Protein backbone atom coordinates (compact mmCIF):
# COMPACT_ATOMS: atom_id res chain seq x y z
CA MET A 1 4.25 -26.23 11.93
CA PRO A 2 6.89 -24.19 10.06
CA PRO A 3 7.39 -20.67 11.47
CA GLY A 4 6.44 -19.13 8.13
CA ASP A 5 3.05 -20.86 8.16
CA ARG A 6 2.34 -19.65 11.67
CA LYS A 7 3.31 -16.07 10.77
CA ALA A 8 1.11 -16.13 7.69
CA ARG A 9 -1.81 -17.46 9.72
CA GLU A 10 -1.29 -14.80 12.41
CA ARG A 11 -1.09 -12.09 9.76
CA ALA A 12 -4.33 -13.30 8.17
CA GLN A 13 -6.00 -13.35 11.60
CA ARG A 14 -4.85 -9.77 12.32
CA ARG A 15 -6.15 -8.65 8.93
CA GLN A 16 -9.53 -10.25 9.62
CA LEU A 17 -9.59 -8.67 13.08
CA ILE A 18 -9.14 -5.24 11.49
CA ILE A 19 -11.92 -5.89 8.96
CA ASP A 20 -14.29 -7.15 11.66
CA ALA A 21 -13.51 -4.19 13.93
CA ALA A 22 -14.08 -1.70 11.10
CA ARG A 23 -17.38 -3.33 10.18
CA ALA A 24 -18.59 -3.40 13.80
CA LEU A 25 -17.62 0.22 14.39
CA ALA A 26 -19.27 1.32 11.15
CA GLU A 27 -22.45 -0.60 11.96
CA ALA A 28 -22.56 0.98 15.42
CA GLU A 29 -21.54 4.56 14.62
CA GLY A 30 -21.31 4.99 10.84
CA TRP A 31 -18.29 5.04 8.54
CA GLU A 32 -17.35 8.57 9.65
CA ALA A 33 -16.43 7.09 13.04
CA VAL A 34 -14.01 4.60 11.51
CA THR A 35 -10.49 5.99 11.76
CA THR A 36 -7.19 4.18 11.82
CA ARG A 37 -6.56 5.52 15.33
CA ARG A 38 -9.86 4.15 16.66
CA LEU A 39 -9.33 0.83 14.92
CA ALA A 40 -5.82 0.52 16.34
CA ASP A 41 -7.20 1.19 19.83
CA ARG A 42 -10.04 -1.27 19.34
CA ILE A 43 -7.86 -4.15 18.15
CA GLU A 44 -5.06 -3.24 20.57
CA TYR A 45 -2.36 -2.98 17.93
CA SER A 46 -0.38 0.08 16.93
CA GLN A 47 -1.31 2.14 13.88
CA PRO A 48 1.89 0.99 12.08
CA VAL A 49 0.67 -2.62 12.46
CA LEU A 50 -2.66 -1.60 10.98
CA TYR A 51 -0.89 0.17 8.10
CA SER A 52 1.16 -2.97 7.46
CA HIS A 53 -2.12 -4.61 6.42
CA PHE A 54 -3.99 -1.72 4.80
CA ALA A 55 -2.63 1.40 3.12
CA ASN A 56 -5.49 3.59 4.35
CA LYS A 57 -9.12 3.68 5.42
CA ASP A 58 -10.31 3.26 1.82
CA ALA A 59 -8.48 -0.06 1.62
CA ILE A 60 -10.21 -1.19 4.82
CA VAL A 61 -13.60 -0.16 3.42
CA ALA A 62 -12.83 -2.11 0.23
CA ALA A 63 -11.96 -5.20 2.29
CA VAL A 64 -15.26 -4.89 4.17
CA ALA A 65 -17.03 -4.55 0.82
CA VAL A 66 -15.38 -7.66 -0.63
CA ALA A 67 -16.37 -9.67 2.45
CA GLY A 68 -19.89 -8.28 2.09
CA PHE A 69 -20.12 -9.52 -1.49
CA ALA A 70 -19.16 -13.00 -0.34
CA GLU A 71 -21.95 -12.85 2.24
CA LEU A 72 -24.44 -11.51 -0.30
CA ALA A 73 -23.54 -14.35 -2.68
CA THR A 74 -24.26 -16.83 0.10
CA ALA A 75 -27.59 -15.15 0.87
CA LEU A 76 -28.65 -15.26 -2.81
CA ARG A 77 -27.53 -18.87 -3.18
CA SER A 78 -29.42 -19.87 -0.04
CA ALA A 79 -32.57 -18.12 -1.25
CA ARG A 80 -32.41 -20.00 -4.55
CA ALA A 81 -31.66 -23.29 -2.78
CA MET A 82 -34.93 -23.05 -0.84
CA PHE A 83 -36.74 -23.80 -4.11
CA PRO A 84 -34.46 -26.22 -5.98
CA HIS A 85 -37.23 -27.45 -8.28
CA ASP A 86 -39.25 -24.23 -8.62
CA PRO A 87 -37.30 -21.57 -10.56
CA ASP A 88 -40.37 -19.30 -10.50
CA GLN A 89 -39.63 -18.73 -6.81
CA TRP A 90 -35.96 -17.86 -7.27
CA LEU A 91 -36.45 -14.17 -8.01
CA PRO A 92 -38.96 -13.50 -5.20
CA ALA A 93 -36.77 -15.33 -2.68
CA ALA A 94 -33.54 -13.70 -3.86
CA ALA A 95 -35.10 -10.22 -3.99
CA GLN A 96 -36.30 -10.59 -0.42
CA ALA A 97 -32.86 -11.87 0.64
CA TYR A 98 -31.17 -8.92 -1.08
CA VAL A 99 -33.41 -6.35 0.59
CA GLU A 100 -33.01 -8.00 4.00
CA PHE A 101 -29.23 -8.14 3.59
CA ALA A 102 -29.16 -4.41 2.81
CA GLU A 103 -31.39 -3.55 5.75
CA VAL A 104 -29.59 -5.70 8.33
CA ASN A 105 -26.06 -4.82 7.15
CA ARG A 106 -26.38 -1.12 6.41
CA ALA A 107 -22.74 -0.13 6.88
CA ARG A 108 -21.55 -3.19 4.96
CA TYR A 109 -23.99 -2.37 2.15
CA ASP A 110 -22.68 1.19 2.09
CA ALA A 111 -19.12 -0.12 1.74
CA MET A 112 -20.26 -2.32 -1.13
CA PHE A 113 -22.43 0.11 -3.07
CA VAL A 114 -22.47 3.65 -1.71
CA LEU A 115 -19.01 4.78 -0.58
CA ALA A 116 -16.38 5.69 -3.14
CA SER A 117 -14.28 2.66 -3.95
CA ASP A 118 -11.43 1.51 -6.17
CA LEU A 119 -13.08 -1.89 -6.56
CA GLN A 120 -13.58 -2.77 -10.20
CA PHE A 121 -16.92 -4.15 -11.35
CA ALA A 122 -17.32 -6.12 -14.59
CA GLN A 123 -13.59 -5.93 -15.33
CA ALA A 124 -10.83 -8.49 -15.75
CA ASP A 125 -9.51 -7.65 -12.27
CA THR A 126 -12.87 -7.74 -10.49
CA PRO A 127 -12.40 -9.56 -7.17
CA ALA A 128 -13.72 -13.12 -7.12
CA ASP A 129 -16.27 -12.41 -4.37
CA LEU A 130 -17.85 -9.62 -6.46
CA ARG A 131 -18.01 -11.94 -9.45
CA GLU A 132 -19.57 -14.68 -7.32
CA ALA A 133 -22.35 -12.39 -6.05
CA PHE A 134 -23.15 -11.25 -9.57
CA THR A 135 -23.05 -14.84 -10.86
CA GLU A 136 -25.60 -15.81 -8.22
CA LEU A 137 -27.88 -13.01 -9.40
CA VAL A 138 -27.46 -14.16 -13.01
CA GLU A 139 -28.48 -17.69 -11.94
CA VAL A 140 -31.57 -16.29 -10.20
CA VAL A 141 -32.79 -14.44 -13.29
CA ALA A 142 -31.72 -17.01 -15.91
CA PRO A 143 -35.13 -18.77 -16.01
CA LEU A 144 -36.80 -15.41 -16.68
CA ALA A 145 -34.40 -14.09 -19.32
CA ALA A 146 -36.46 -15.50 -22.21
CA GLY A 147 -33.97 -14.64 -24.94
CA ARG A 148 -32.65 -11.51 -23.27
CA ASP A 149 -28.99 -11.25 -22.31
CA ARG A 150 -28.88 -12.80 -18.83
CA GLU A 151 -26.12 -10.57 -17.48
CA THR A 152 -27.83 -7.40 -18.68
CA PHE A 153 -31.10 -8.60 -17.18
CA ALA A 154 -29.29 -9.31 -13.90
CA GLU A 155 -27.90 -5.75 -13.97
CA VAL A 156 -31.42 -4.37 -14.40
CA VAL A 157 -32.68 -6.47 -11.46
CA TRP A 158 -29.71 -5.37 -9.35
CA ALA A 159 -30.29 -1.70 -10.21
CA ALA A 160 -34.00 -1.96 -9.40
CA LEU A 161 -33.38 -3.66 -6.04
CA HIS A 162 -30.67 -1.15 -5.15
CA GLY A 163 -33.00 1.71 -6.01
CA LEU A 164 -35.73 0.33 -3.77
CA VAL A 165 -33.25 -0.21 -0.94
CA MET A 166 -31.82 3.30 -1.10
CA LEU A 167 -35.08 5.19 -1.65
CA THR A 168 -36.72 3.28 1.20
CA ARG A 169 -33.75 3.80 3.51
CA ASP A 170 -33.64 7.53 2.79
CA GLY A 171 -37.33 7.96 3.57
CA ARG A 172 -38.27 8.85 -0.01
CA LEU A 173 -40.92 6.13 -0.25
CA ARG A 174 -43.96 5.33 1.91
CA PRO A 175 -42.86 2.85 4.58
CA ALA A 176 -46.18 1.01 4.69
CA GLN A 177 -45.89 0.08 1.00
CA ARG A 178 -42.47 -1.60 1.25
CA SER A 179 -43.72 -5.16 0.70
CA GLU A 180 -46.15 -4.13 -2.01
CA ARG A 181 -43.44 -2.30 -3.96
CA LEU A 182 -41.20 -5.36 -3.86
CA ARG A 183 -44.09 -7.61 -4.93
CA MET A 184 -44.92 -5.30 -7.86
CA LEU A 185 -41.28 -5.12 -8.94
CA ILE A 186 -40.96 -8.90 -8.93
CA GLU A 187 -44.21 -9.22 -10.85
CA GLN A 188 -42.95 -6.85 -13.55
CA LEU A 189 -39.53 -8.45 -13.81
CA SER A 190 -41.06 -11.93 -13.99
CA ARG A 191 -43.18 -11.19 -17.04
CA PRO A 192 -41.97 -12.59 -20.35
CA PRO A 193 -40.71 -9.86 -22.73
CA GLU A 194 -43.71 -10.09 -25.04
CA LEU A 195 -46.06 -9.33 -22.13
CA SER A 196 -43.99 -6.55 -20.59
CA GLY A 197 -43.32 -4.70 -23.83
CA GLY A 198 -39.65 -5.86 -24.02
């Protein structure tokens, strides 16, 4: 193996180690606990090595977010794949997968959607993993679009799911009604435009 290939592989492994350590620390203690000093100690590299991969903590958070979008895309794709011949089940399955992803991966979800970020959404330079997650959501809602713009409809579904996730997480909604709220949301979003007033 050429030395350059080995160095590139080792660099990629170190970068992934930093991302994984940041995510684990954030999941355990919150993003406030993630500092370059603590990450350097945790991965047993010096801070200059860490800075050779990421300019600052925000860049690390963005990397965690991008990885999270790849995982969310996989979760949405898997939910849809459970019902390959029944598109009516795609939205309920994907909505449940989205909510579960947000609940199980709280710090990752915060990196993706809550913390300030330089990541660009719906732009020419949007990272591929962000595009992939959104494309999966568009595929989920496509059978329900019924003449509506599919991407706009996907944005509405995304916004509604995010709202439920955040309001539930912050204790603003009754915990016992979690499943019923999600069922009602899916029911409303699944109605053809002429029946829902659209």
